[in-house]
Protein backbone atom coordinates (compact mmCIF):
# COMPACT_ATOMS: atom_id res chain seq x y z
CA MET A 1 1.40 27.86 -0.05
CA SER A 2 -0.60 26.44 3.24
CA LEU A 3 1.51 29.31 5.86
CA LEU A 4 0.64 23.72 7.40
CA ILE A 5 2.47 22.82 8.16
CA LYS A 6 4.94 20.10 8.61
CA ILE A 7 4.07 16.51 7.82
CA HIS A 8 4.05 13.97 10.66
CA LYS A 9 5.62 11.02 8.86
CA PRO A 10 4.13 7.51 8.88
CA ILE A 11 5.46 5.06 11.40
CA PRO A 12 8.22 2.69 10.27
CA HIS A 13 7.02 -0.69 9.09
CA ILE A 14 10.01 -2.58 10.49
CA ARG A 15 11.12 -2.28 14.06
CA SER A 16 12.62 -4.58 16.67
CA PHE A 17 10.06 -5.33 19.34
CA SER A 18 12.59 -6.97 21.61
CA VAL A 19 14.92 -3.97 21.50
CA SER A 20 12.01 -1.57 21.97
CA THR A 21 10.81 -3.50 24.99
CA ILE A 22 14.25 -3.47 26.56
CA ASN A 23 14.78 0.23 25.89
CA ALA A 24 11.21 1.32 26.66
CA ALA A 25 10.96 4.27 29.01
CA LYS A 26 8.15 5.84 31.00
CA HIS A 27 7.70 9.61 30.95
CA SER A 28 5.22 11.92 32.62
CA CYS A 29 4.37 15.56 32.05
CA LYS A 30 1.84 18.28 32.64
CA LEU A 31 1.41 18.87 28.89
CA LEU A 32 2.21 16.57 26.00
CA VAL A 33 2.34 18.07 22.50
CA ILE A 34 2.26 15.58 19.63
CA GLY A 35 3.70 17.01 16.44
CA GLY A 36 6.56 19.45 15.91
CA GLY A 37 5.13 21.41 13.01
CA SER A 38 3.82 24.98 13.05
CA GLY A 39 1.13 24.44 15.68
CA GLY A 40 3.08 22.03 17.86
CA CYS A 41 6.18 24.22 18.05
CA THR A 42 4.18 27.36 18.79
CA ILE A 43 2.14 25.75 21.57
CA THR A 44 5.30 24.21 23.04
CA ALA A 45 6.95 27.63 23.10
CA LYS A 46 3.91 29.24 24.76
CA PHE A 47 3.45 26.66 27.50
CA SER A 48 7.16 26.32 28.21
CA ARG A 49 6.81 29.85 29.57
CA HIS A 50 3.75 28.95 31.65
CA LEU A 51 5.08 25.67 33.06
CA LYS A 52 8.31 24.49 34.68
CA LYS A 53 11.26 22.86 32.91
CA ASP A 54 10.37 19.45 31.44
CA GLU A 55 6.69 19.81 32.36
CA VAL A 56 6.13 20.13 28.61
CA ILE A 57 7.05 17.18 26.39
CA ILE A 58 6.96 17.41 22.60
CA LEU A 59 6.82 14.19 20.60
CA GLU A 60 8.29 14.67 17.12
CA PRO A 61 10.60 12.36 15.13
CA SER A 62 11.88 14.76 12.47
CA LEU A 63 15.29 16.39 12.73
CA HIS A 64 14.30 19.25 10.42
CA HIS A 65 11.48 21.77 10.41
CA TYR A 66 10.18 23.22 7.13
CA TYR A 67 8.38 26.44 6.35
CA GLN A 68 6.16 24.82 3.75
CA PRO A 69 4.41 27.93 2.38
CA LEU A 70 7.61 28.78 0.48
CA TRP A 71 7.56 25.51 -1.47
CA THR A 72 5.44 27.20 -4.13
CA LEU A 73 8.29 29.65 -4.71
CA VAL A 74 10.77 26.75 -4.69
CA GLY A 75 8.77 25.18 -7.52
CA ALA A 76 8.93 28.49 -9.38
CA GLY A 77 12.70 28.90 -8.94
CA VAL A 78 12.57 31.85 -6.53
CA LYS A 79 13.65 29.92 -3.41
CA THR A 80 15.46 26.65 -2.65
CA VAL A 81 14.46 23.87 -0.27
CA ALA A 82 17.39 24.87 1.94
CA ASP A 83 15.77 28.30 2.34
CA THR A 84 12.74 26.62 3.91
CA ARG A 85 14.57 24.28 6.31
CA ARG A 86 15.99 24.65 9.81
CA PRO A 87 17.05 22.11 12.45
CA GLU A 88 14.09 21.05 14.59
CA LYS A 89 16.15 21.68 17.71
CA SER A 90 16.51 25.35 16.77
CA VAL A 91 12.73 25.91 16.81
CA LEU A 92 12.05 24.21 20.13
CA PRO A 93 12.46 25.84 23.57
CA SER A 94 15.29 24.40 25.66
CA THR A 95 13.00 24.05 28.68
CA ALA A 96 10.76 21.53 26.90
CA LYS A 97 11.65 17.85 26.70
CA TRP A 98 11.91 16.59 23.12
CA ILE A 99 11.25 12.90 22.48
CA LYS A 100 12.36 11.98 18.95
CA ASP A 101 9.77 9.35 18.13
CA TYR A 102 6.38 8.78 16.49
CA ALA A 103 3.09 8.48 18.32
CA LEU A 104 1.66 4.97 17.99
CA SER A 105 -1.48 4.92 20.13
CA ILE A 106 -3.40 6.91 22.70
CA ASP A 107 -5.54 5.80 25.62
CA PRO A 108 -7.47 8.99 26.43
CA SER A 109 -9.24 7.36 29.37
CA GLN A 110 -5.86 6.68 31.04
CA ASN A 111 -4.04 9.74 29.63
CA ILE A 112 -1.30 7.60 28.10
CA VAL A 113 0.39 7.83 24.71
CA LYS A 114 2.61 5.03 23.44
CA THR A 115 5.39 5.57 20.91
CA THR A 116 6.63 3.32 18.14
CA GLU A 117 9.75 2.52 20.19
CA GLY A 118 7.62 1.29 23.08
CA ASP A 119 7.86 4.30 25.39
CA GLU A 120 4.87 5.42 27.44
CA ILE A 121 4.07 9.06 28.12
CA GLN A 122 1.65 9.89 30.93
CA TYR A 123 0.12 13.33 30.49
CA GLU A 124 -2.36 15.59 32.27
CA TYR A 125 -3.17 17.59 29.15
CA LEU A 126 -2.64 16.82 25.50
CA VAL A 127 -2.38 18.95 22.34
CA ILE A 128 -2.40 17.14 19.00
CA GLY A 129 -0.97 18.93 15.96
CA VAL A 130 0.30 16.24 13.62
CA GLY A 131 -0.71 17.81 10.30
CA LEU A 132 -1.54 15.93 7.11
CA GLN A 133 0.41 13.39 5.07
CA ASN A 134 0.61 13.01 1.31
CA ASN A 135 -1.26 9.85 0.34
CA TYR A 136 0.58 8.96 -2.87
CA ASP A 137 -0.75 5.40 -2.89
CA LYS A 138 -4.28 6.61 -3.63
CA VAL A 139 -3.16 7.46 -7.19
CA PRO A 140 -1.58 4.41 -8.89
CA GLY A 141 1.64 5.26 -10.67
CA LEU A 142 2.12 8.61 -8.93
CA LEU A 143 4.96 7.74 -6.54
CA GLU A 144 6.89 5.88 -9.24
CA ALA A 145 6.54 8.89 -11.54
CA LEU A 146 7.68 11.30 -8.82
CA ASN A 147 10.79 9.21 -8.24
CA ASP A 148 11.64 9.09 -11.95
CA PRO A 149 13.73 12.19 -12.79
CA LYS A 150 12.63 12.07 -16.44
CA SER A 151 8.90 11.49 -15.94
CA GLY A 152 7.87 15.16 -16.05
CA VAL A 153 5.78 14.60 -12.90
CA SER A 154 6.33 16.63 -9.73
CA THR A 155 4.66 18.23 -6.72
CA ILE A 156 5.37 21.30 -4.60
CA PHE A 157 3.75 19.57 -1.61
CA SER A 158 6.93 17.76 -0.55
CA ALA A 159 10.48 18.79 0.28
CA ASP A 160 11.58 15.75 -1.73
CA TYR A 161 9.91 16.84 -4.98
CA CYS A 162 9.32 20.62 -5.05
CA GLU A 163 12.73 21.28 -6.64
CA LYS A 164 11.78 18.73 -9.28
CA THR A 165 8.89 21.05 -10.19
CA TRP A 166 11.40 23.80 -10.90
CA ASN A 167 13.63 21.42 -12.87
CA ASP A 168 10.67 20.27 -14.98
CA LEU A 169 9.64 23.87 -15.58
CA LYS A 170 13.14 24.92 -16.64
CA ASN A 171 13.34 22.03 -19.11
CA PHE A 172 9.83 22.43 -20.49
CA ARG A 173 9.78 23.20 -24.21
CA GLY A 174 6.07 23.36 -24.83
CA GLY A 175 3.19 20.93 -25.18
CA GLU A 176 0.65 19.85 -22.57
CA ALA A 177 1.08 21.20 -19.01
CA VAL A 178 -1.46 19.69 -16.61
CA PHE A 179 -2.07 20.63 -12.96
CA THR A 180 -4.34 18.90 -10.42
CA TYR A 181 -6.32 19.35 -7.19
CA PRO A 182 -7.45 16.13 -5.38
CA ASP A 183 -10.76 15.07 -3.84
CA THR A 184 -9.52 15.13 -0.23
CA PRO A 185 -8.95 17.92 2.28
CA ILE A 186 -5.49 19.39 1.71
CA LYS A 187 -3.17 21.88 3.31
CA CYS A 188 -3.04 25.26 1.61
CA PRO A 189 -5.97 24.90 -0.82
CA GLY A 190 -4.70 27.86 -2.87
CA ALA A 191 -1.31 26.34 -3.66
CA PRO A 192 -2.44 24.02 -6.49
CA GLN A 193 -3.41 27.02 -8.61
CA LYS A 194 -0.55 29.28 -7.46
CA ILE A 195 1.94 27.01 -9.20
CA VAL A 196 -0.24 27.09 -12.34
CA TYR A 197 -0.02 30.89 -12.51
CA LEU A 198 3.71 30.99 -11.80
CA ALA A 199 4.38 28.24 -14.35
CA ASP A 200 2.43 30.27 -16.91
CA ALA A 201 4.50 33.34 -16.05
CA TYR A 202 7.77 31.43 -16.44
CA MET A 203 6.65 29.95 -19.75
CA ASN A 204 6.04 33.46 -21.00
CA LYS A 205 9.56 34.44 -19.92
CA THR A 206 11.06 31.54 -21.86
CA SER A 207 8.81 32.08 -24.91
CA VAL A 208 7.22 28.62 -24.78
CA ARG A 209 3.77 29.67 -23.58
CA SER A 210 2.49 30.15 -27.15
CA LYS A 211 3.36 26.49 -27.76
CA THR A 212 1.70 25.26 -24.57
CA ASN A 213 -1.78 24.17 -23.53
CA VAL A 214 -2.19 24.76 -19.76
CA THR A 215 -4.92 22.77 -18.00
CA TYR A 216 -5.99 22.95 -14.35
CA ASN A 217 -8.17 20.04 -13.21
CA THR A 218 -9.79 20.52 -9.82
CA CYS A 219 -12.23 18.39 -7.85
CA LEU A 220 -13.99 21.56 -6.70
CA PRO A 221 -17.03 23.13 -8.38
CA VAL A 222 -15.43 26.60 -8.10
CA ILE A 223 -11.97 28.09 -8.58
CA PHE A 224 -11.81 29.26 -4.94
CA GLY A 225 -14.07 28.94 -1.93
CA VAL A 226 -14.50 32.66 -1.20
CA LYS A 227 -16.52 34.40 -3.91
CA LYS A 228 -14.73 37.75 -3.73
CA TYR A 229 -11.39 36.15 -4.55
CA ALA A 230 -12.89 33.57 -6.91
CA ASP A 231 -14.21 36.40 -9.08
CA ALA A 232 -10.72 37.94 -9.23
CA LEU A 233 -9.07 34.60 -9.98
CA LEU A 234 -11.45 33.88 -12.84
CA LYS A 235 -10.16 37.06 -14.46
CA VAL A 236 -6.59 35.80 -13.99
CA VAL A 237 -7.53 32.47 -15.57
CA GLU A 238 -9.13 34.24 -18.53
CA ARG A 239 -6.16 36.57 -19.00
CA LYS A 240 -3.75 33.65 -18.97
CA SER A 241 -5.92 31.42 -21.21
CA ILE A 242 -5.84 28.54 -18.72
CA ASN A 243 -8.26 25.68 -19.28
CA VAL A 244 -10.09 24.89 -16.02
CA ASN A 245 -12.01 21.64 -15.62
CA TYR A 246 -14.15 21.47 -12.48
CA LYS A 247 -15.11 18.30 -10.61
CA THR A 248 -12.26 16.51 -12.35
CA VAL A 249 -10.08 14.22 -10.21
CA LEU A 250 -6.78 12.49 -10.96
CA LYS A 251 -7.19 8.71 -10.84
CA GLU A 252 -3.95 7.29 -12.28
CA VAL A 253 -0.60 8.33 -13.71
CA ARG A 254 0.76 6.32 -16.65
CA ALA A 255 4.29 7.65 -16.78
CA ASP A 256 5.41 5.22 -19.49
CA LYS A 257 2.80 6.73 -21.86
CA ARG A 258 2.88 10.23 -20.35
CA GLU A 259 -0.84 10.02 -19.70
CA ALA A 260 -2.97 11.12 -16.75
CA VAL A 261 -6.35 9.48 -16.14
CA PHE A 262 -9.11 11.58 -14.56
CA PHE A 263 -12.65 10.82 -13.41
CA ASN A 264 -15.67 13.04 -12.96
CA ALA A 265 -16.49 13.75 -9.30
CA ASP A 266 -20.22 13.31 -9.97
CA ASP A 267 -19.81 10.17 -12.09
CA LYS A 268 -16.70 8.13 -11.33
CA ASN A 269 -17.34 5.91 -14.33
CA LYS A 270 -16.82 8.88 -16.61
CA GLU A 271 -13.09 8.95 -17.33
CA THR A 272 -10.83 11.20 -19.39
CA VAL A 273 -7.27 10.48 -20.45
CA LEU A 274 -5.02 13.52 -20.93
CA PRO A 275 -1.53 13.40 -22.44
CA TYR A 276 1.05 15.53 -20.65
CA ASP A 277 4.56 16.82 -21.15
CA MET A 278 4.58 18.30 -17.66
CA LEU A 279 2.29 17.14 -14.85
CA HIS A 280 2.10 18.84 -11.48
CA VAL A 281 0.13 16.80 -8.95
CA THR A 282 -1.37 17.93 -5.69
CA PRO A 283 -1.49 14.53 -3.97
CA PRO A 284 -4.46 13.30 -1.95
CA MET A 285 -3.84 13.75 1.77
CA HIS A 286 -4.90 12.11 5.00
CA THR A 287 -4.18 12.32 8.70
CA PRO A 288 -1.22 10.31 10.09
CA GLU A 289 -1.66 6.66 11.00
CA PHE A 290 -1.62 7.55 14.70
CA LEU A 291 -4.98 9.28 14.27
CA ARG A 292 -6.43 6.89 11.71
CA ASN A 293 -5.89 4.05 14.20
CA ASN A 294 -7.46 5.90 17.14
CA LYS A 295 -11.13 6.08 16.24
CA ASN A 296 -12.19 7.06 19.76
CA ILE A 297 -10.81 10.58 19.27
CA THR A 298 -11.52 11.17 15.56
CA ASP A 299 -14.53 11.76 13.33
CA ALA A 300 -15.62 9.47 10.50
CA ALA A 301 -12.93 10.93 8.20
CA SER A 302 -10.19 10.30 10.80
CA PHE A 303 -9.70 13.96 11.69
CA LEU A 304 -9.34 14.94 15.36
CA ASP A 305 -12.86 15.72 16.55
CA VAL A 306 -12.77 19.16 18.18
CA ASP A 307 -15.16 22.03 18.75
CA LYS A 308 -14.61 24.42 15.83
CA TYR A 309 -14.64 27.47 18.10
CA THR A 310 -12.78 26.38 21.27
CA LEU A 311 -10.51 23.70 19.67
CA GLN A 312 -11.24 21.48 22.66
CA HIS A 313 -11.94 17.81 21.99
CA LYS A 314 -15.65 17.08 21.98
CA LYS A 315 -15.35 14.05 24.29
CA TYR A 316 -12.14 14.52 26.29
CA PRO A 317 -11.83 18.03 27.78
CA ASN A 318 -8.10 17.67 28.58
CA ILE A 319 -7.32 17.18 24.85
CA TYR A 320 -7.02 20.02 22.35
CA GLY A 321 -6.20 20.03 18.66
CA ILE A 322 -4.53 22.49 16.32
CA GLY A 323 -3.83 22.79 12.62
CA ASP A 324 -4.47 20.56 9.65
CA CYS A 325 -5.28 17.34 11.53
CA THR A 326 -8.42 18.76 13.16
CA ASN A 327 -11.90 18.77 11.67
CA THR A 328 -12.40 22.52 11.98
CA PRO A 329 -13.97 23.68 8.67
CA ASN A 330 -11.37 26.34 7.89
CA SER A 331 -8.68 26.67 5.25
CA LYS A 332 -5.65 24.65 6.37
CA THR A 333 -2.92 27.30 6.45
CA ALA A 334 -0.22 28.52 8.83
CA ALA A 335 -2.09 31.81 9.13
CA ALA A 336 -4.98 29.82 10.60
CA ILE A 337 -2.60 28.22 13.08
CA ALA A 338 -1.35 31.62 14.23
CA LYS A 339 -4.88 32.57 15.27
CA GLN A 340 -5.66 29.10 16.64
CA CYS A 341 -2.60 29.20 18.90
CA TYR A 342 -3.92 32.29 20.66
CA VAL A 343 -7.32 30.71 21.21
CA LEU A 344 -5.91 27.37 22.29
CA GLU A 345 -3.50 28.94 24.78
CA ALA A 346 -6.27 30.90 26.49
CA ASN A 347 -8.67 27.95 26.57
CA LEU A 348 -6.16 25.36 27.74
CA LEU A 349 -5.02 27.66 30.56
CA ASN A 350 -8.67 27.93 31.60
CA THR A 351 -9.04 24.16 31.44
CA MET A 352 -5.96 23.76 33.63
CA LYS A 353 -7.68 26.05 36.15
CA LYS A 354 -10.85 23.91 35.93
CA ASN A 355 -12.72 26.71 34.15
CA GLU A 356 -14.66 26.55 30.91
CA PRO A 357 -12.89 27.59 27.67
CA LYS A 358 -14.10 31.04 26.65
CA SER A 359 -11.92 32.13 23.73
CA ARG A 360 -13.32 31.45 20.26
CA TYR A 361 -11.61 30.77 16.93
CA ASN A 362 -13.49 32.51 14.13
CA GLY A 363 -12.10 30.38 11.30
CA TYR A 364 -9.52 32.96 10.23
CA GLY A 365 -7.24 31.93 7.41
CA ALA A 366 -5.10 33.67 4.84
CA CYS A 367 -3.94 32.59 1.41
CA PRO A 368 -1.47 34.71 -0.58
CA LEU A 369 -2.45 33.74 -4.12
CA LEU A 370 0.60 34.31 -6.31
CA THR A 371 -0.46 35.20 -9.83
CA GLU A 372 2.81 36.42 -11.37
CA TYR A 373 6.42 36.90 -10.38
CA GLY A 374 5.93 40.05 -8.32
CA LYS A 375 2.11 39.97 -8.08
CA CYS A 376 -0.22 38.45 -5.51
CA ILE A 377 -3.84 38.47 -4.31
CA LEU A 378 -3.87 38.40 -0.50
CA ALA A 379 -7.01 36.49 0.47
CA GLU A 380 -8.09 36.69 4.11
CA PHE A 381 -11.35 35.27 5.42
CA ILE A 382 -13.15 33.66 8.34
CA TYR A 383 -15.77 30.93 8.66
CA ASP A 384 -18.46 30.78 5.96
CA GLY A 385 -16.16 32.44 3.41
CA VAL A 386 -16.52 35.95 4.80
CA PRO A 387 -13.63 38.26 3.76
CA HIS A 388 -11.66 39.58 6.74
CA GLU A 389 -8.93 41.78 5.32
CA THR A 390 -6.10 43.56 7.12
CA LEU A 391 -4.99 46.22 4.65
CA PRO A 392 -7.13 49.29 3.85
CA ILE A 393 -7.22 48.33 0.17
CA ASP A 394 -9.14 45.86 -1.95
CA GLN A 395 -7.05 42.73 -1.38
CA SER A 396 -8.68 40.92 -4.29
CA ARG A 397 -6.49 43.10 -6.53
CA GLU A 398 -3.09 41.79 -7.61
CA THR A 399 -0.43 43.84 -5.84
CA THR A 400 3.34 43.89 -5.52
CA ILE A 401 3.23 44.51 -1.77
CA ALA A 402 1.31 41.27 -1.21
CA TYR A 403 3.93 39.36 -3.22
CA TYR A 404 6.81 40.60 -1.07
CA MET A 405 4.82 40.02 2.10
CA LYS A 406 4.47 36.40 0.99
CA LYS A 407 8.10 36.08 -0.11
CA ASP A 408 9.91 37.94 2.68
CA LEU A 409 7.73 39.28 5.50
CA PHE A 410 5.73 36.17 6.36
CA PRO A 411 8.81 33.88 6.58
CA PHE A 412 10.49 36.41 8.88
CA ILE A 413 7.43 36.53 11.14
CA TYR A 414 7.19 32.73 11.12
CA TRP A 415 10.77 31.97 12.18
CA ASN A 416 11.27 34.89 14.56
CA LEU A 417 7.87 35.46 16.15
CA MET A 418 5.28 32.75 15.49
CA LEU A 419 7.32 29.67 16.38
CA ARG A 420 8.39 31.44 19.57
CA GLY A 421 4.77 31.99 20.52
CA TYR A 422 4.63 35.75 19.97
CA TYR A 423 2.50 36.10 16.83
CA HIS A 424 -1.27 35.58 16.74
CA GLY A 425 -2.13 36.93 13.31
CA PRO A 426 -2.68 40.50 12.10
CA GLU A 427 -5.67 41.30 14.34
CA LEU A 428 -3.98 44.18 16.14
CA VAL A 429 -2.85 45.79 12.89
CA ARG A 430 -6.28 45.26 11.33
CA ASN A 431 -8.05 46.93 14.26
CA ILE A 432 -5.89 50.02 13.75
CA ILE A 433 -5.78 50.45 9.96
CA ASN A 434 -8.87 48.58 8.75
CA PRO A 435 -11.28 48.00 11.63
CA LEU A 436 -14.14 46.87 9.36
CA GLY A 437 -11.90 44.19 7.82
CA MET A 438 -13.86 44.08 4.58
């Protein structure tokens, strides 16, 4: 998976207003960071070195931080959820103030954020990096099926269910294996097909592939958004005899009948019902409620409305955004965040000095497309689907080195360098060994 990113959970539906009012506190800071995922932690680490103790506040309710890109390998039995999890406290700098709460509302004209427990945070500058949430409710029957251990329905897009994918795969004895890609923006757009390829590989290991029909239903009109890698992936699909249905969107899960209902993206009245023995669902996603309820800072789709190059908010210059919750038209991956952090740091420091932001994000993203146990296509690209490769080889080829980079090197870089604010992507290495980047 998307190197995205931790989910900013929805606010609780039940809370005591009287207790919150009594316990409400007022905070103030130079910089407020909302969201303790990849982008939020990295920016907090960077600016904790620029600013004094407690001048940076990070607002994040979760006690654990997840390296989500490894959830694909959890679903394939290579890693466990525990391998992807660390205490949130361990990834935050001690000089920053951590408020364990959810954002409720923002008044950008007054520079005030309110939390669900009634606290107020006055800020001078604000960075929003709250990621994306799984919107299970958009597909009737999906959440019930995910919570049923015998339903055969799972997803690698949640710490709660990615080990269920592995359990379903281990217990699969043949039949219909169906995989989906939804009609919403998602984190790590390559992950829905990565698990298809790894499931196929495991089925071959257990000698059930010859008894299995593998189907990948995607809302997209193409297998991948960058042609160079799409051409390579089509060869993988052909080699593995995977049925791909384009513009095909999951509408409903009927777990009692083991049926999945799909509609055509061009004609929603055109429905298809597929039986399944194993169903892997990439759930629809949306921004957290905090953003969906604050229309003055979002676009029509409820994504934070920022300039795609500077990452500065289009209306409020003291607000910046990072990661999956922004409306930058790039692939939503942690590799993108690594590059965005560098740009955001430079531009926000300029803004603090009352200068114009000058650094530009070029849309860089990377997607290690696992195709086998031990094989991977390392896709790297910038805006407009232009390949931007680091290694002096054709990265559209399946290689073993790319697999182990995904499995071992990237997690090491993430925990030890990126979250501490010291990694900005492979630009330096690329300039030395592959300056053309093609």
